[in-house]
Amino acid sequence: MARSVTLTRQAQQRGTVSGLTAYRTVVTASGATGGSGAENELFVHERLPRDPSAPLGQTEDRFLSIATPLDLAELPVNEPNANASPTYFRKATVELWTISQDEADKIWSSIQKDVKALFLALKIADSLTDEEEAEITDD
């Protein structure tokens, strides 16, 4: 069965962050189908240490990459494991700020390409073949 996921891009035409012009893009993965590895939580994030000057309980998550097959198997969803180091986890959304609309468009294309590469890697992993066999005895 073919894997599929819907990536939805929401974009703000232009905004201001700390007095600088920036473009905000939110990408959401949804509707994943197709068996093992077809998950919505494709975006790997790192939970950063809490900034003492930030409001109590506020955390910051930094987007790192599209998940690999190993990330899908090992990383928790939506929150890092307690006391984990590094504090990596997967989410179904990613929020990005860029300095231009052109940069946002390039990142959007890159995300699509990387998700396709992930699905190809999972398809290859599904097609393992027997290459060697060993019989072990107690002699």
N, C-alpha and C. Protein backbone atom coordinates (compact mmCIF):
# COMPACT_ATOMS: atom_id res chain seq x y z
N MET A 1 0.84 -1.17 0.00
CA MET A 1 0.00 0.00 0.00
C MET A 1 0.89 1.25 0.00
N ALA A 2 0.57 2.19 -0.83
CA ALA A 2 1.35 3.42 -0.92
C ALA A 2 1.09 4.30 0.31
N ARG A 3 2.14 4.91 0.79
CA ARG A 3 2.02 5.86 1.90
C ARG A 3 1.64 7.22 1.34
N SER A 4 0.86 7.95 2.11
CA SER A 4 0.55 9.32 1.70
C SER A 4 0.30 10.18 2.94
N VAL A 5 0.50 11.45 2.76
CA VAL A 5 0.22 12.43 3.80
C VAL A 5 -0.11 13.74 3.09
N THR A 6 -0.99 14.51 3.68
CA THR A 6 -1.31 15.82 3.12
C THR A 6 -0.53 16.88 3.88
N LEU A 7 0.24 17.68 3.16
CA LEU A 7 0.96 18.80 3.75
C LEU A 7 0.20 20.07 3.40
N THR A 8 -0.15 20.84 4.41
CA THR A 8 -0.88 22.08 4.22
C THR A 8 -0.01 23.24 4.67
N ARG A 9 0.14 24.19 3.78
CA ARG A 9 0.96 25.38 4.07
C ARG A 9 0.03 26.56 4.32
N GLN A 10 0.23 27.18 5.47
CA GLN A 10 -0.46 28.42 5.78
C GLN A 10 0.60 29.49 5.86
N ALA A 11 0.37 30.60 5.18
CA ALA A 11 1.39 31.64 5.12
C ALA A 11 0.81 32.99 5.45
N GLN A 12 1.61 33.75 6.14
CA GLN A 12 1.29 35.14 6.41
C GLN A 12 2.06 35.95 5.37
N GLN A 13 1.41 36.85 4.71
CA GLN A 13 2.08 37.59 3.65
C GLN A 13 3.30 38.35 4.16
N ARG A 14 3.16 39.00 5.28
CA ARG A 14 4.29 39.75 5.82
C ARG A 14 3.97 40.14 7.25
N GLY A 15 4.97 40.09 8.11
CA GLY A 15 4.78 40.47 9.49
C GLY A 15 6.03 41.14 10.02
N THR A 16 6.00 41.49 11.28
CA THR A 16 7.15 42.13 11.90
C THR A 16 7.51 41.36 13.16
N VAL A 17 8.79 41.02 13.28
CA VAL A 17 9.31 40.33 14.46
C VAL A 17 10.49 41.16 14.96
N SER A 18 10.39 41.64 16.17
CA SER A 18 11.46 42.46 16.77
C SER A 18 11.86 43.61 15.85
N GLY A 19 10.88 44.22 15.21
CA GLY A 19 11.14 45.36 14.34
C GLY A 19 11.64 45.02 12.94
N LEU A 20 11.76 43.73 12.64
CA LEU A 20 12.25 43.30 11.33
C LEU A 20 11.11 42.68 10.52
N THR A 21 11.12 42.90 9.22
CA THR A 21 10.12 42.29 8.36
C THR A 21 10.42 40.80 8.24
N ALA A 22 9.39 39.98 8.42
CA ALA A 22 9.56 38.54 8.34
C ALA A 22 8.29 37.92 7.77
N TYR A 23 8.44 36.70 7.30
CA TYR A 23 7.33 35.95 6.72
C TYR A 23 7.14 34.67 7.52
N ARG A 24 5.93 34.49 8.05
CA ARG A 24 5.63 33.32 8.87
C ARG A 24 4.92 32.28 8.02
N THR A 25 5.37 31.05 8.13
CA THR A 25 4.76 29.92 7.44
C THR A 25 4.54 28.80 8.45
N VAL A 26 3.36 28.21 8.43
CA VAL A 26 3.06 27.03 9.25
C VAL A 26 2.71 25.90 8.30
N VAL A 27 3.40 24.77 8.46
CA VAL A 27 3.12 23.59 7.65
C VAL A 27 2.57 22.51 8.58
N THR A 28 1.46 21.91 8.17
CA THR A 28 0.82 20.87 8.96
C THR A 28 0.71 19.60 8.12
N ALA A 29 1.06 18.48 8.71
CA ALA A 29 0.90 17.17 8.08
C ALA A 29 -0.36 16.53 8.65
N SER A 30 -1.21 16.00 7.77
CA SER A 30 -2.45 15.38 8.24
C SER A 30 -2.87 14.26 7.28
N GLY A 31 -3.78 13.43 7.76
CA GLY A 31 -4.37 12.39 6.91
C GLY A 31 -3.40 11.31 6.47
N ALA A 32 -2.38 11.04 7.26
CA ALA A 32 -1.39 10.02 6.86
C ALA A 32 -2.03 8.64 6.75
N THR A 33 -1.71 7.96 5.66
CA THR A 33 -2.22 6.60 5.43
C THR A 33 -1.12 5.76 4.81
N GLY A 34 -1.30 4.46 4.85
CA GLY A 34 -0.38 3.58 4.14
C GLY A 34 0.46 2.69 5.02
N GLY A 35 0.10 2.53 6.27
CA GLY A 35 0.82 1.57 7.10
C GLY A 35 2.02 2.14 7.82
N SER A 36 2.97 1.27 8.14
CA SER A 36 4.13 1.61 8.95
C SER A 36 4.87 2.82 8.39
N GLY A 37 5.10 3.80 9.25
CA GLY A 37 5.84 4.99 8.85
C GLY A 37 4.97 6.08 8.27
N ALA A 38 3.71 5.79 8.00
CA ALA A 38 2.81 6.83 7.50
C ALA A 38 2.20 7.52 8.70
N GLU A 39 2.86 8.53 9.17
CA GLU A 39 2.43 9.25 10.36
C GLU A 39 2.38 10.74 10.07
N ASN A 40 1.56 11.45 10.81
CA ASN A 40 1.48 12.90 10.66
C ASN A 40 2.66 13.60 11.32
N GLU A 41 3.22 13.01 12.34
CA GLU A 41 4.28 13.65 13.12
C GLU A 41 5.63 13.44 12.43
N LEU A 42 5.87 14.25 11.40
CA LEU A 42 7.07 14.10 10.56
C LEU A 42 8.14 15.14 10.84
N PHE A 43 7.83 16.14 11.66
CA PHE A 43 8.74 17.26 11.88
C PHE A 43 9.48 17.09 13.20
N VAL A 44 10.79 16.90 13.13
CA VAL A 44 11.61 16.71 14.33
C VAL A 44 11.93 18.07 14.93
N HIS A 45 11.69 18.17 16.23
CA HIS A 45 11.96 19.39 16.98
C HIS A 45 12.87 19.07 18.17
N GLU A 46 13.48 20.10 18.68
CA GLU A 46 14.25 20.01 19.92
C GLU A 46 13.66 20.99 20.91
N ARG A 47 13.38 20.51 22.11
CA ARG A 47 12.90 21.39 23.19
C ARG A 47 14.12 22.06 23.81
N LEU A 48 14.14 23.38 23.75
CA LEU A 48 15.27 24.14 24.28
C LEU A 48 15.10 24.34 25.78
N PRO A 49 16.22 24.52 26.49
CA PRO A 49 16.10 24.79 27.93
C PRO A 49 15.26 26.05 28.15
N ARG A 50 14.49 26.05 29.20
CA ARG A 50 13.62 27.19 29.49
C ARG A 50 14.44 28.43 29.77
N ASP A 51 14.05 29.50 29.13
CA ASP A 51 14.68 30.80 29.32
C ASP A 51 14.17 31.38 30.64
N PRO A 52 15.08 31.65 31.61
CA PRO A 52 14.63 32.17 32.91
C PRO A 52 13.87 33.49 32.81
N SER A 53 14.09 34.24 31.73
CA SER A 53 13.40 35.52 31.58
C SER A 53 12.02 35.36 30.93
N ALA A 54 11.71 34.15 30.45
CA ALA A 54 10.41 33.90 29.81
C ALA A 54 9.36 33.64 30.89
N PRO A 55 8.09 33.84 30.55
CA PRO A 55 7.02 33.54 31.51
C PRO A 55 7.13 32.10 32.01
N LEU A 56 6.80 31.89 33.25
CA LEU A 56 6.91 30.58 33.89
C LEU A 56 6.18 29.52 33.06
N GLY A 57 6.87 28.42 32.80
CA GLY A 57 6.29 27.30 32.08
C GLY A 57 6.38 27.40 30.57
N GLN A 58 6.79 28.55 30.06
CA GLN A 58 6.88 28.70 28.60
C GLN A 58 8.14 28.01 28.09
N THR A 59 7.96 27.19 27.07
CA THR A 59 9.09 26.49 26.46
C THR A 59 9.22 26.92 25.01
N GLU A 60 10.38 26.65 24.44
CA GLU A 60 10.60 26.95 23.03
C GLU A 60 11.07 25.68 22.34
N ASP A 61 10.44 25.38 21.21
CA ASP A 61 10.80 24.22 20.42
C ASP A 61 11.41 24.70 19.11
N ARG A 62 12.53 24.10 18.74
CA ARG A 62 13.22 24.47 17.50
C ARG A 62 13.09 23.33 16.50
N PHE A 63 12.64 23.67 15.28
CA PHE A 63 12.53 22.69 14.21
C PHE A 63 13.93 22.31 13.74
N LEU A 64 14.16 21.00 13.58
CA LEU A 64 15.46 20.51 13.14
C LEU A 64 15.42 19.93 11.74
N SER A 65 14.44 19.05 11.45
CA SER A 65 14.45 18.35 10.16
C SER A 65 13.16 17.57 9.97
N ILE A 66 13.04 17.00 8.77
CA ILE A 66 12.01 16.00 8.52
C ILE A 66 12.54 14.70 9.13
N ALA A 67 11.66 13.92 9.72
CA ALA A 67 12.06 12.68 10.37
C ALA A 67 12.68 11.69 9.39
N THR A 68 13.57 10.87 9.90
CA THR A 68 14.12 9.73 9.17
C THR A 68 13.34 8.49 9.61
N PRO A 69 13.51 7.37 8.93
CA PRO A 69 12.85 6.14 9.41
C PRO A 69 13.22 5.83 10.87
N LEU A 70 14.46 6.04 11.25
CA LEU A 70 14.87 5.79 12.63
C LEU A 70 14.17 6.75 13.59
N ASP A 71 14.04 8.02 13.21
CA ASP A 71 13.33 8.99 14.05
C ASP A 71 11.89 8.55 14.28
N LEU A 72 11.23 8.03 13.23
CA LEU A 72 9.85 7.58 13.38
C LEU A 72 9.74 6.46 14.40
N ALA A 73 10.75 5.61 14.44
CA ALA A 73 10.73 4.47 15.37
C ALA A 73 11.10 4.86 16.79
N GLU A 74 11.96 5.86 16.94
CA GLU A 74 12.52 6.13 18.27
C GLU A 74 12.04 7.40 18.97
N LEU A 75 11.68 8.41 18.23
CA LEU A 75 11.36 9.69 18.88
C LEU A 75 9.91 9.75 19.32
N PRO A 76 9.68 10.29 20.51
CA PRO A 76 8.31 10.42 21.00
C PRO A 76 7.54 11.49 20.21
N VAL A 77 6.23 11.47 20.36
CA VAL A 77 5.35 12.38 19.65
C VAL A 77 4.89 13.50 20.58
N ASN A 78 4.98 14.72 20.10
CA ASN A 78 4.47 15.95 20.73
C ASN A 78 5.23 16.47 21.95
N GLU A 79 5.92 15.65 22.66
CA GLU A 79 6.71 16.07 23.82
C GLU A 79 7.95 15.20 23.93
N PRO A 80 9.08 15.79 24.33
CA PRO A 80 10.26 14.94 24.55
C PRO A 80 10.05 14.05 25.78
N ASN A 81 10.76 12.94 25.82
CA ASN A 81 10.71 12.10 27.01
C ASN A 81 11.28 12.87 28.19
N ALA A 82 10.71 12.64 29.36
CA ALA A 82 11.19 13.31 30.57
C ALA A 82 12.65 12.95 30.80
N ASN A 83 13.44 13.94 31.12
CA ASN A 83 14.88 13.79 31.41
C ASN A 83 15.69 13.29 30.22
N ALA A 84 15.14 13.38 29.02
CA ALA A 84 15.89 12.95 27.83
C ALA A 84 16.93 14.01 27.47
N SER A 85 18.02 13.53 26.94
CA SER A 85 19.04 14.44 26.43
C SER A 85 19.68 13.78 25.23
N PRO A 86 19.56 14.32 24.05
CA PRO A 86 18.90 15.58 23.74
C PRO A 86 17.38 15.45 23.79
N THR A 87 16.71 16.57 23.83
CA THR A 87 15.26 16.60 24.01
C THR A 87 14.54 16.66 22.66
N TYR A 88 14.74 15.64 21.83
CA TYR A 88 14.14 15.58 20.51
C TYR A 88 12.76 14.91 20.58
N PHE A 89 11.88 15.34 19.70
CA PHE A 89 10.55 14.73 19.58
C PHE A 89 9.97 15.12 18.22
N ARG A 90 8.81 14.55 17.89
CA ARG A 90 8.18 14.81 16.59
C ARG A 90 6.84 15.49 16.77
N LYS A 91 6.53 16.38 15.84
CA LYS A 91 5.23 17.07 15.82
C LYS A 91 4.65 17.02 14.41
N ALA A 92 3.35 17.25 14.32
CA ALA A 92 2.67 17.27 13.02
C ALA A 92 2.69 18.65 12.39
N THR A 93 3.22 19.64 13.09
CA THR A 93 3.29 20.99 12.55
C THR A 93 4.68 21.57 12.74
N VAL A 94 4.98 22.53 11.89
CA VAL A 94 6.23 23.27 12.03
C VAL A 94 5.91 24.73 11.70
N GLU A 95 6.44 25.63 12.51
CA GLU A 95 6.29 27.06 12.28
C GLU A 95 7.65 27.63 11.92
N LEU A 96 7.69 28.35 10.80
CA LEU A 96 8.95 28.89 10.31
C LEU A 96 8.82 30.39 10.05
N TRP A 97 9.88 31.11 10.36
CA TRP A 97 9.97 32.54 10.04
C TRP A 97 11.11 32.71 9.06
N THR A 98 10.86 33.41 7.96
CA THR A 98 11.89 33.63 6.95
C THR A 98 12.00 35.12 6.66
N ILE A 99 13.10 35.49 6.00
CA ILE A 99 13.32 36.91 5.72
C ILE A 99 12.71 37.34 4.39
N SER A 100 12.25 36.37 3.59
CA SER A 100 11.64 36.72 2.31
C SER A 100 10.62 35.65 1.91
N GLN A 101 9.70 36.04 1.06
CA GLN A 101 8.73 35.08 0.54
C GLN A 101 9.42 34.03 -0.31
N ASP A 102 10.46 34.42 -1.03
CA ASP A 102 11.23 33.49 -1.86
C ASP A 102 11.85 32.39 -1.00
N GLU A 103 12.41 32.77 0.13
CA GLU A 103 13.00 31.78 1.06
C GLU A 103 11.92 30.84 1.59
N ALA A 104 10.75 31.38 1.93
CA ALA A 104 9.64 30.55 2.40
C ALA A 104 9.22 29.55 1.32
N ASP A 105 9.18 29.99 0.07
CA ASP A 105 8.81 29.10 -1.04
C ASP A 105 9.84 27.98 -1.20
N LYS A 106 11.11 28.30 -1.05
CA LYS A 106 12.17 27.29 -1.17
C LYS A 106 12.07 26.26 -0.04
N ILE A 107 11.80 26.72 1.16
CA ILE A 107 11.66 25.80 2.30
C ILE A 107 10.45 24.89 2.08
N TRP A 108 9.34 25.45 1.59
CA TRP A 108 8.14 24.65 1.31
C TRP A 108 8.46 23.54 0.31
N SER A 109 9.18 23.88 -0.74
CA SER A 109 9.58 22.87 -1.73
C SER A 109 10.50 21.82 -1.12
N SER A 110 11.40 22.27 -0.28
CA SER A 110 12.35 21.35 0.37
C SER A 110 11.62 20.39 1.31
N ILE A 111 10.64 20.88 2.04
CA ILE A 111 9.86 20.01 2.93
C ILE A 111 9.17 18.92 2.11
N GLN A 112 8.55 19.29 1.01
CA GLN A 112 7.87 18.30 0.16
C GLN A 112 8.86 17.25 -0.35
N LYS A 113 10.02 17.72 -0.81
CA LYS A 113 11.05 16.81 -1.33
C LYS A 113 11.53 15.86 -0.23
N ASP A 114 11.76 16.39 0.97
CA ASP A 114 12.27 15.56 2.07
C ASP A 114 11.24 14.54 2.55
N VAL A 115 9.96 14.89 2.55
CA VAL A 115 8.93 13.92 2.93
C VAL A 115 8.85 12.82 1.88
N LYS A 116 8.95 13.18 0.62
CA LYS A 116 8.96 12.16 -0.45
C LYS A 116 10.17 11.23 -0.28
N ALA A 117 11.34 11.79 0.07
CA ALA A 117 12.53 10.97 0.29
C ALA A 117 12.34 10.04 1.49
N LEU A 118 11.67 10.52 2.54
CA LEU A 118 11.37 9.68 3.70
C LEU A 118 10.49 8.50 3.27
N PHE A 119 9.45 8.77 2.51
CA PHE A 119 8.56 7.69 2.07
C PHE A 119 9.29 6.70 1.17
N LEU A 120 10.19 7.17 0.35
CA LEU A 120 10.99 6.27 -0.49
C LEU A 120 11.88 5.39 0.38
N ALA A 121 12.51 5.97 1.40
CA ALA A 121 13.36 5.19 2.31
C ALA A 121 12.53 4.13 3.04
N LEU A 122 11.32 4.47 3.44
CA LEU A 122 10.45 3.50 4.10
C LEU A 122 10.04 2.38 3.14
N LYS A 123 9.79 2.74 1.89
CA LYS A 123 9.44 1.73 0.88
C LYS A 123 10.59 0.76 0.66
N ILE A 124 11.81 1.28 0.60
CA ILE A 124 12.99 0.43 0.45
C ILE A 124 13.14 -0.49 1.66
N ALA A 125 12.91 0.05 2.85
CA ALA A 125 13.01 -0.76 4.07
C ALA A 125 11.97 -1.87 4.09
N ASP A 126 10.82 -1.64 3.47
CA ASP A 126 9.76 -2.66 3.41
C ASP A 126 10.14 -3.83 2.52
N SER A 127 11.10 -3.63 1.63
CA SER A 127 11.42 -4.66 0.65
C SER A 127 12.71 -5.41 0.98
N LEU A 128 12.93 -5.69 2.25
CA LEU A 128 14.11 -6.47 2.64
C LEU A 128 14.00 -7.89 2.12
N THR A 129 15.14 -8.45 1.77
CA THR A 129 15.18 -9.83 1.29
C THR A 129 16.14 -10.63 2.16
N ASP A 130 15.94 -11.96 2.20
CA ASP A 130 16.87 -12.82 2.93
C ASP A 130 18.18 -12.90 2.16
N GLU A 131 19.27 -12.55 2.81
CA GLU A 131 20.57 -12.61 2.16
C GLU A 131 21.47 -13.69 2.75
N GLU A 132 21.25 -13.99 4.00
CA GLU A 132 22.12 -14.96 4.66
C GLU A 132 21.35 -15.66 5.76
N GLU A 133 21.66 -16.90 5.93
CA GLU A 133 21.02 -17.69 6.95
C GLU A 133 22.10 -18.43 7.71
N ALA A 134 21.93 -18.56 9.03
CA ALA A 134 22.90 -19.30 9.83
C ALA A 134 22.14 -20.21 10.79
N GLU A 135 22.55 -21.47 10.85
CA GLU A 135 21.94 -22.40 11.80
C GLU A 135 22.86 -22.51 13.00
N ILE A 136 22.32 -22.28 14.15
CA ILE A 136 23.09 -22.30 15.40
C ILE A 136 22.62 -23.51 16.22
N THR A 137 23.58 -24.31 16.69
CA THR A 137 23.25 -25.47 17.52
C THR A 137 24.05 -25.39 18.82
N ASP A 138 23.73 -26.30 19.73
CA ASP A 138 24.45 -26.31 21.01
C ASP A 138 25.68 -27.22 20.99
N ASP A 139 26.08 -27.71 19.84
CA ASP A 139 27.26 -28.60 19.71
C ASP A 139 28.53 -27.79 19.74
